Amino acid sequence: MMMGPCSRRMLIVVLTVTVLSCSTSGPSTKNQPEAQPAPVTEDAAATKQLVNTIRWTTASEVENFGYDIYRATSEDGPFERITVEPIPGAGTSDEPQSYVYVDDTIDPSQGYYYYLESISMQGVRERFSPINYSPPKLKSE
């Protein structure tokens, strides 16, 4: 069976949302070193900023301009785009690609739902991932 360009667009997506303690600011994207989540205590939270780290991989990409990330506080939305500019994609590539985005604008006592939207070189947008949940980092009082 012959595969057309659309059927090869994205073969594998692995999206994970993890929490990290981080003292840097600003979103990080594509090809960042893997960091291991650290246990978070309320004392550590007082001195460090808590973030959600969104990671995803692709097995191949065809005419991929990039990605936008959407976030909501409810699984049913409303979802709002949190990327100011799209995260650049790999264009057309048969090589696996890894991406990382750090959401440093979270309320640590709130859980968040995320999904990715892919953008083709022609500007066509489509949901690229299932909705993923990241639980609150701190207990609400």
N, C-alpha and C. Protein backbone atom coordinates (compact mmCIF):
# COMPACT_ATOMS: atom_id res chain seq x y z
N MET A 1 0.84 -1.17 0.00
CA MET A 1 0.00 0.00 0.00
C MET A 1 0.89 1.24 0.00
N MET A 2 0.61 2.17 -0.88
CA MET A 2 1.41 3.38 -0.99
C MET A 2 0.90 4.43 -0.01
N MET A 3 1.82 5.10 0.68
CA MET A 3 1.43 6.13 1.64
C MET A 3 1.62 7.50 1.02
N GLY A 4 0.58 8.33 1.08
CA GLY A 4 0.66 9.70 0.60
C GLY A 4 1.28 10.59 1.65
N PRO A 5 1.59 11.85 1.31
CA PRO A 5 2.25 12.73 2.26
C PRO A 5 1.43 12.96 3.52
N CYS A 6 0.11 13.02 3.41
CA CYS A 6 -0.71 13.28 4.59
C CYS A 6 -0.70 12.09 5.53
N SER A 7 -0.63 10.89 5.00
CA SER A 7 -0.64 9.71 5.87
C SER A 7 0.68 9.54 6.62
N ARG A 8 1.75 10.20 6.20
CA ARG A 8 3.05 10.13 6.88
C ARG A 8 3.29 11.33 7.76
N ARG A 9 2.38 12.26 7.84
CA ARG A 9 2.64 13.54 8.49
C ARG A 9 3.22 13.38 9.89
N MET A 10 2.56 12.66 10.73
CA MET A 10 3.06 12.42 12.08
C MET A 10 2.79 10.97 12.42
N LEU A 11 3.82 10.22 12.71
CA LEU A 11 3.63 8.80 12.98
C LEU A 11 3.46 8.50 14.45
N ILE A 12 4.26 9.10 15.30
CA ILE A 12 4.21 8.79 16.72
C ILE A 12 4.27 10.08 17.52
N VAL A 13 3.40 10.16 18.50
CA VAL A 13 3.42 11.29 19.42
C VAL A 13 3.43 10.74 20.84
N VAL A 14 4.36 11.20 21.62
CA VAL A 14 4.38 10.88 23.04
C VAL A 14 4.38 12.22 23.75
N LEU A 15 3.30 12.52 24.43
CA LEU A 15 3.19 13.79 25.14
C LEU A 15 3.12 13.50 26.62
N THR A 16 4.00 14.13 27.38
CA THR A 16 3.97 13.98 28.83
C THR A 16 4.02 15.35 29.46
N VAL A 17 3.40 15.48 30.60
CA VAL A 17 3.46 16.72 31.36
C VAL A 17 4.04 16.35 32.72
N THR A 18 5.14 17.00 33.08
CA THR A 18 5.79 16.73 34.36
C THR A 18 5.97 18.03 35.11
N VAL A 19 6.26 17.94 36.37
CA VAL A 19 6.53 19.12 37.18
C VAL A 19 8.01 19.15 37.51
N LEU A 20 8.55 20.33 37.42
CA LEU A 20 9.94 20.55 37.81
C LEU A 20 10.00 21.79 38.68
N SER A 21 10.93 21.82 39.60
CA SER A 21 11.23 23.06 40.30
C SER A 21 12.27 23.76 39.46
N CYS A 22 12.04 25.01 39.22
CA CYS A 22 12.91 25.71 38.29
C CYS A 22 13.04 27.16 38.72
N SER A 23 14.23 27.69 38.64
CA SER A 23 14.43 29.08 39.01
C SER A 23 14.63 29.98 37.81
N THR A 24 14.54 29.42 36.60
CA THR A 24 14.68 30.26 35.42
C THR A 24 13.32 30.70 34.95
N SER A 25 13.26 31.72 34.11
CA SER A 25 11.98 32.17 33.60
C SER A 25 12.00 32.11 32.08
N GLY A 26 10.79 32.14 31.49
CA GLY A 26 10.65 32.11 30.04
C GLY A 26 10.51 30.69 29.55
N PRO A 27 9.71 30.50 28.46
CA PRO A 27 9.51 29.15 27.95
C PRO A 27 10.75 28.61 27.28
N SER A 28 11.00 27.33 27.46
CA SER A 28 12.08 26.64 26.77
C SER A 28 11.44 25.76 25.71
N THR A 29 12.11 25.60 24.59
CA THR A 29 11.55 24.78 23.54
C THR A 29 12.60 23.84 22.99
N LYS A 30 12.26 23.10 22.01
CA LYS A 30 12.95 22.09 21.24
C LYS A 30 14.39 21.78 21.64
N ASN A 31 14.60 20.49 21.77
CA ASN A 31 15.94 19.93 21.97
C ASN A 31 16.63 20.40 23.25
N GLN A 32 15.87 20.52 24.32
CA GLN A 32 16.47 20.87 25.61
C GLN A 32 16.87 19.57 26.30
N PRO A 33 17.91 19.58 27.14
CA PRO A 33 18.30 18.37 27.85
C PRO A 33 17.18 17.90 28.76
N GLU A 34 17.09 16.59 28.91
CA GLU A 34 16.07 16.00 29.76
C GLU A 34 16.42 16.28 31.22
N ALA A 35 15.47 16.80 31.98
CA ALA A 35 15.66 17.02 33.41
C ALA A 35 14.74 16.07 34.15
N GLN A 36 15.18 15.59 35.27
CA GLN A 36 14.37 14.67 36.07
C GLN A 36 13.52 15.47 37.05
N PRO A 37 12.22 15.12 37.18
CA PRO A 37 11.37 15.81 38.16
C PRO A 37 11.92 15.61 39.57
N ALA A 38 11.86 16.67 40.34
CA ALA A 38 12.33 16.61 41.72
C ALA A 38 11.12 16.62 42.65
N PRO A 39 11.22 15.96 43.81
CA PRO A 39 10.12 16.04 44.76
C PRO A 39 9.92 17.50 45.17
N VAL A 40 8.68 17.88 45.34
CA VAL A 40 8.38 19.28 45.65
C VAL A 40 7.78 19.36 47.04
N THR A 41 8.39 20.17 47.91
CA THR A 41 7.83 20.44 49.23
C THR A 41 7.37 21.88 49.25
N GLU A 42 6.55 22.21 50.21
CA GLU A 42 6.07 23.60 50.28
C GLU A 42 7.22 24.56 50.55
N ASP A 43 8.25 24.13 51.32
CA ASP A 43 9.41 24.98 51.56
C ASP A 43 10.16 25.23 50.26
N ALA A 44 10.34 24.17 49.45
CA ALA A 44 11.02 24.32 48.17
C ALA A 44 10.20 25.21 47.25
N ALA A 45 8.89 25.07 47.29
CA ALA A 45 8.03 25.87 46.42
C ALA A 45 8.13 27.35 46.76
N ALA A 46 8.36 27.65 48.03
CA ALA A 46 8.47 29.05 48.43
C ALA A 46 9.72 29.70 47.84
N THR A 47 10.76 28.91 47.59
CA THR A 47 12.01 29.48 47.10
C THR A 47 12.21 29.27 45.60
N LYS A 48 11.46 28.34 45.00
CA LYS A 48 11.63 28.06 43.58
C LYS A 48 10.29 28.15 42.87
N GLN A 49 10.35 28.49 41.62
CA GLN A 49 9.15 28.56 40.81
C GLN A 49 8.77 27.16 40.34
N LEU A 50 7.48 26.82 40.47
CA LEU A 50 7.00 25.53 39.98
C LEU A 50 6.50 25.69 38.56
N VAL A 51 6.78 24.69 37.73
CA VAL A 51 6.42 24.75 36.32
C VAL A 51 5.86 23.40 35.88
N ASN A 52 5.15 23.40 34.77
CA ASN A 52 4.77 22.18 34.08
C ASN A 52 5.63 22.10 32.83
N THR A 53 6.24 20.95 32.62
CA THR A 53 7.08 20.74 31.45
C THR A 53 6.37 19.79 30.50
N ILE A 54 6.13 20.24 29.30
CA ILE A 54 5.43 19.46 28.28
C ILE A 54 6.48 18.94 27.31
N ARG A 55 6.49 17.62 27.11
CA ARG A 55 7.47 16.99 26.23
C ARG A 55 6.71 16.16 25.20
N TRP A 56 7.17 16.18 23.96
CA TRP A 56 6.60 15.31 22.95
C TRP A 56 7.64 14.96 21.91
N THR A 57 7.40 13.83 21.25
CA THR A 57 8.32 13.36 20.21
C THR A 57 7.53 12.99 18.97
N THR A 58 8.19 13.05 17.83
CA THR A 58 7.60 12.59 16.58
C THR A 58 8.58 11.61 15.94
N ALA A 59 8.06 10.64 15.21
CA ALA A 59 8.91 9.70 14.49
C ALA A 59 9.33 10.29 13.16
N SER A 60 8.45 11.07 12.55
CA SER A 60 8.75 11.76 11.29
C SER A 60 7.79 12.93 11.17
N GLU A 61 8.13 13.88 10.31
CA GLU A 61 7.28 15.05 10.08
C GLU A 61 7.29 15.36 8.59
N VAL A 62 6.13 15.78 8.08
CA VAL A 62 6.01 16.18 6.67
C VAL A 62 5.39 17.57 6.63
N GLU A 63 6.14 18.51 6.07
CA GLU A 63 5.68 19.90 5.92
C GLU A 63 5.11 20.46 7.22
N ASN A 64 5.84 20.25 8.30
CA ASN A 64 5.40 20.71 9.62
C ASN A 64 6.02 22.05 9.96
N PHE A 65 5.18 23.09 10.03
CA PHE A 65 5.64 24.43 10.39
C PHE A 65 5.94 24.51 11.88
N GLY A 66 5.05 23.95 12.70
CA GLY A 66 5.28 24.03 14.14
C GLY A 66 4.08 23.60 14.96
N TYR A 67 4.11 24.02 16.25
CA TYR A 67 3.10 23.61 17.22
C TYR A 67 2.69 24.79 18.09
N ASP A 68 1.42 24.78 18.49
CA ASP A 68 0.93 25.65 19.54
C ASP A 68 0.45 24.76 20.67
N ILE A 69 0.57 25.26 21.90
CA ILE A 69 0.13 24.52 23.08
C ILE A 69 -1.06 25.25 23.68
N TYR A 70 -2.08 24.47 24.03
CA TYR A 70 -3.31 25.00 24.62
C TYR A 70 -3.45 24.46 26.02
N ARG A 71 -4.03 25.30 26.92
CA ARG A 71 -4.18 24.94 28.32
C ARG A 71 -5.55 25.34 28.82
N ALA A 72 -6.09 24.55 29.76
CA ALA A 72 -7.37 24.86 30.41
C ALA A 72 -7.31 24.36 31.84
N THR A 73 -8.23 24.84 32.67
CA THR A 73 -8.34 24.35 34.05
C THR A 73 -9.42 23.29 34.17
N SER A 74 -10.13 23.01 33.07
CA SER A 74 -11.15 21.97 33.03
C SER A 74 -10.93 21.14 31.77
N GLU A 75 -11.20 19.84 31.84
CA GLU A 75 -11.01 18.98 30.67
C GLU A 75 -11.89 19.40 29.50
N ASP A 76 -13.02 20.02 29.81
CA ASP A 76 -13.95 20.49 28.77
C ASP A 76 -13.64 21.90 28.29
N GLY A 77 -12.60 22.53 28.84
CA GLY A 77 -12.22 23.86 28.42
C GLY A 77 -12.96 24.93 29.20
N PRO A 78 -12.87 26.14 28.72
CA PRO A 78 -12.28 26.53 27.44
C PRO A 78 -10.75 26.48 27.48
N PHE A 79 -10.17 26.06 26.36
CA PHE A 79 -8.72 26.02 26.20
C PHE A 79 -8.25 27.33 25.60
N GLU A 80 -7.09 27.76 26.06
CA GLU A 80 -6.50 28.98 25.51
C GLU A 80 -5.05 28.71 25.12
N ARG A 81 -4.66 29.30 24.00
CA ARG A 81 -3.29 29.10 23.52
C ARG A 81 -2.33 29.80 24.47
N ILE A 82 -1.26 29.09 24.88
CA ILE A 82 -0.28 29.69 25.79
C ILE A 82 1.05 29.98 25.11
N THR A 83 1.24 29.50 23.90
CA THR A 83 2.46 29.83 23.15
C THR A 83 2.23 31.17 22.45
N VAL A 84 3.14 32.09 22.66
CA VAL A 84 3.04 33.40 22.00
C VAL A 84 3.31 33.24 20.51
N GLU A 85 4.34 32.50 20.18
CA GLU A 85 4.70 32.15 18.80
C GLU A 85 4.72 30.64 18.69
N PRO A 86 4.40 30.08 17.53
CA PRO A 86 4.47 28.62 17.40
C PRO A 86 5.89 28.10 17.67
N ILE A 87 5.95 26.93 18.27
CA ILE A 87 7.23 26.24 18.47
C ILE A 87 7.61 25.66 17.11
N PRO A 88 8.78 26.01 16.56
CA PRO A 88 9.14 25.55 15.21
C PRO A 88 9.19 24.03 15.09
N GLY A 89 8.59 23.53 14.01
CA GLY A 89 8.65 22.10 13.69
C GLY A 89 9.88 21.80 12.85
N ALA A 90 10.01 20.56 12.44
CA ALA A 90 11.19 20.12 11.68
C ALA A 90 10.98 20.19 10.18
N GLY A 91 9.86 20.76 9.73
CA GLY A 91 9.61 20.80 8.29
C GLY A 91 9.27 19.41 7.80
N THR A 92 10.10 18.86 6.92
CA THR A 92 9.94 17.48 6.46
C THR A 92 11.19 16.73 6.90
N SER A 93 10.97 15.68 7.70
CA SER A 93 12.10 14.93 8.25
C SER A 93 11.67 13.51 8.54
N ASP A 94 12.53 12.56 8.20
CA ASP A 94 12.31 11.16 8.58
C ASP A 94 13.01 10.84 9.90
N GLU A 95 13.67 11.82 10.48
CA GLU A 95 14.38 11.63 11.75
C GLU A 95 13.45 11.92 12.92
N PRO A 96 13.55 11.14 14.00
CA PRO A 96 12.77 11.44 15.20
C PRO A 96 13.14 12.83 15.74
N GLN A 97 12.14 13.53 16.25
CA GLN A 97 12.34 14.86 16.83
C GLN A 97 11.79 14.86 18.25
N SER A 98 12.45 15.58 19.15
CA SER A 98 11.99 15.74 20.53
C SER A 98 11.77 17.21 20.80
N TYR A 99 10.71 17.50 21.52
CA TYR A 99 10.35 18.89 21.83
C TYR A 99 10.08 19.01 23.32
N VAL A 100 10.34 20.21 23.86
CA VAL A 100 10.09 20.51 25.26
C VAL A 100 9.55 21.93 25.34
N TYR A 101 8.51 22.13 26.15
CA TYR A 101 8.00 23.47 26.42
C TYR A 101 7.77 23.57 27.92
N VAL A 102 8.25 24.63 28.54
CA VAL A 102 8.08 24.85 29.97
C VAL A 102 7.00 25.90 30.18
N ASP A 103 5.92 25.50 30.84
CA ASP A 103 4.86 26.44 31.20
C ASP A 103 5.17 26.96 32.60
N ASP A 104 5.69 28.18 32.65
CA ASP A 104 6.08 28.76 33.94
C ASP A 104 5.06 29.79 34.43
N THR A 105 3.86 29.75 33.88
CA THR A 105 2.82 30.70 34.28
C THR A 105 1.69 30.01 35.04
N ILE A 106 2.00 28.91 35.72
CA ILE A 106 0.96 28.15 36.41
C ILE A 106 0.72 28.65 37.83
N ASP A 107 -0.46 28.36 38.34
CA ASP A 107 -0.79 28.51 39.75
C ASP A 107 -0.53 27.13 40.35
N PRO A 108 0.43 26.98 41.26
CA PRO A 108 0.81 25.64 41.74
C PRO A 108 -0.31 24.91 42.49
N SER A 109 -1.37 25.60 42.88
CA SER A 109 -2.48 24.92 43.56
C SER A 109 -3.59 24.54 42.59
N GLN A 110 -3.38 24.74 41.29
CA GLN A 110 -4.37 24.46 40.25
C GLN A 110 -3.87 23.34 39.35
N GLY A 111 -4.75 22.41 38.98
CA GLY A 111 -4.44 21.40 37.97
C GLY A 111 -4.71 21.97 36.58
N TYR A 112 -3.99 21.49 35.58
CA TYR A 112 -4.14 22.01 34.21
C TYR A 112 -4.27 20.87 33.21
N TYR A 113 -5.01 21.15 32.15
CA TYR A 113 -5.17 20.24 31.01
C TYR A 113 -4.47 20.88 29.82
N TYR A 114 -3.77 20.07 29.04
CA TYR A 114 -3.00 20.55 27.89
C TYR A 114 -3.29 19.71 26.66
N TYR A 115 -3.17 20.36 25.48
CA TYR A 115 -3.09 19.61 24.23
C TYR A 115 -2.24 20.40 23.24
N LEU A 116 -1.72 19.69 22.25
CA LEU A 116 -0.90 20.30 21.19
C LEU A 116 -1.72 20.45 19.92
N GLU A 117 -1.41 21.49 19.19
CA GLU A 117 -1.99 21.69 17.86
C GLU A 117 -0.84 21.80 16.87
N SER A 118 -0.88 21.01 15.80
CA SER A 118 0.18 21.10 14.79
C SER A 118 -0.26 22.10 13.72
N ILE A 119 0.73 22.73 13.09
CA ILE A 119 0.48 23.71 12.04
C ILE A 119 1.30 23.28 10.83
N SER A 120 0.62 23.07 9.70
CA SER A 120 1.33 22.68 8.48
C SER A 120 1.94 23.91 7.82
N MET A 121 2.81 23.70 6.85
CA MET A 121 3.42 24.80 6.10
C MET A 121 2.35 25.62 5.36
N GLN A 122 1.19 25.01 5.09
CA GLN A 122 0.09 25.71 4.42
C GLN A 122 -0.82 26.43 5.42
N GLY A 123 -0.51 26.33 6.72
CA GLY A 123 -1.29 27.00 7.74
C GLY A 123 -2.47 26.20 8.27
N VAL A 124 -2.56 24.94 7.87
CA VAL A 124 -3.65 24.09 8.36
C VAL A 124 -3.32 23.66 9.79
N ARG A 125 -4.28 23.88 10.68
CA ARG A 125 -4.10 23.55 12.10
C ARG A 125 -4.96 22.34 12.44
N GLU A 126 -4.39 21.43 13.24
CA GLU A 126 -5.17 20.30 13.72
C GLU A 126 -4.66 19.87 15.08
N ARG A 127 -5.61 19.39 15.92
CA ARG A 127 -5.20 18.89 17.23
C ARG A 127 -4.27 17.73 17.00
N PHE A 128 -3.14 17.75 17.70
CA PHE A 128 -2.06 16.80 17.47
C PHE A 128 -1.94 15.77 18.59
N SER A 129 -2.55 16.04 19.73
CA SER A 129 -2.38 15.14 20.87
C SER A 129 -3.70 15.00 21.61
N PRO A 130 -3.79 13.97 22.43
CA PRO A 130 -4.94 13.91 23.34
C PRO A 130 -4.77 14.96 24.43
N ILE A 131 -5.81 15.17 25.20
CA ILE A 131 -5.73 16.09 26.34
C ILE A 131 -4.99 15.37 27.46
N ASN A 132 -4.00 16.05 28.04
CA ASN A 132 -3.20 15.50 29.14
C ASN A 132 -3.39 16.37 30.37
N TYR A 133 -3.45 15.72 31.53
CA TYR A 133 -3.68 16.42 32.79
C TYR A 133 -2.41 16.49 33.63
N SER A 134 -2.18 17.65 34.23
CA SER A 134 -1.11 17.84 35.19
C SER A 134 -1.77 18.27 36.49
N PRO A 135 -1.64 17.47 37.57
CA PRO A 135 -2.30 17.79 38.83
C PRO A 135 -1.66 18.98 39.53
N PRO A 136 -2.36 19.54 40.54
CA PRO A 136 -1.78 20.65 41.31
C PRO A 136 -0.46 20.23 41.97
N LYS A 137 0.43 21.18 42.14
CA LYS A 137 1.74 20.91 42.75
C LYS A 137 1.70 21.11 44.26
N LEU A 138 0.80 21.95 44.73
CA LEU A 138 0.65 22.24 46.15
C LEU A 138 -0.78 21.99 46.57
N LYS A 139 -0.96 21.60 47.81
CA LYS A 139 -2.31 21.44 48.36
C LYS A 139 -2.94 22.82 48.55
N SER A 140 -4.19 22.95 48.13
CA SER A 140 -4.88 24.23 48.36
C SER A 140 -5.31 24.29 49.82
N GLU A 141 -5.31 25.49 50.32
CA GLU A 141 -5.58 25.67 51.76
C GLU A 141 -7.03 25.92 51.99
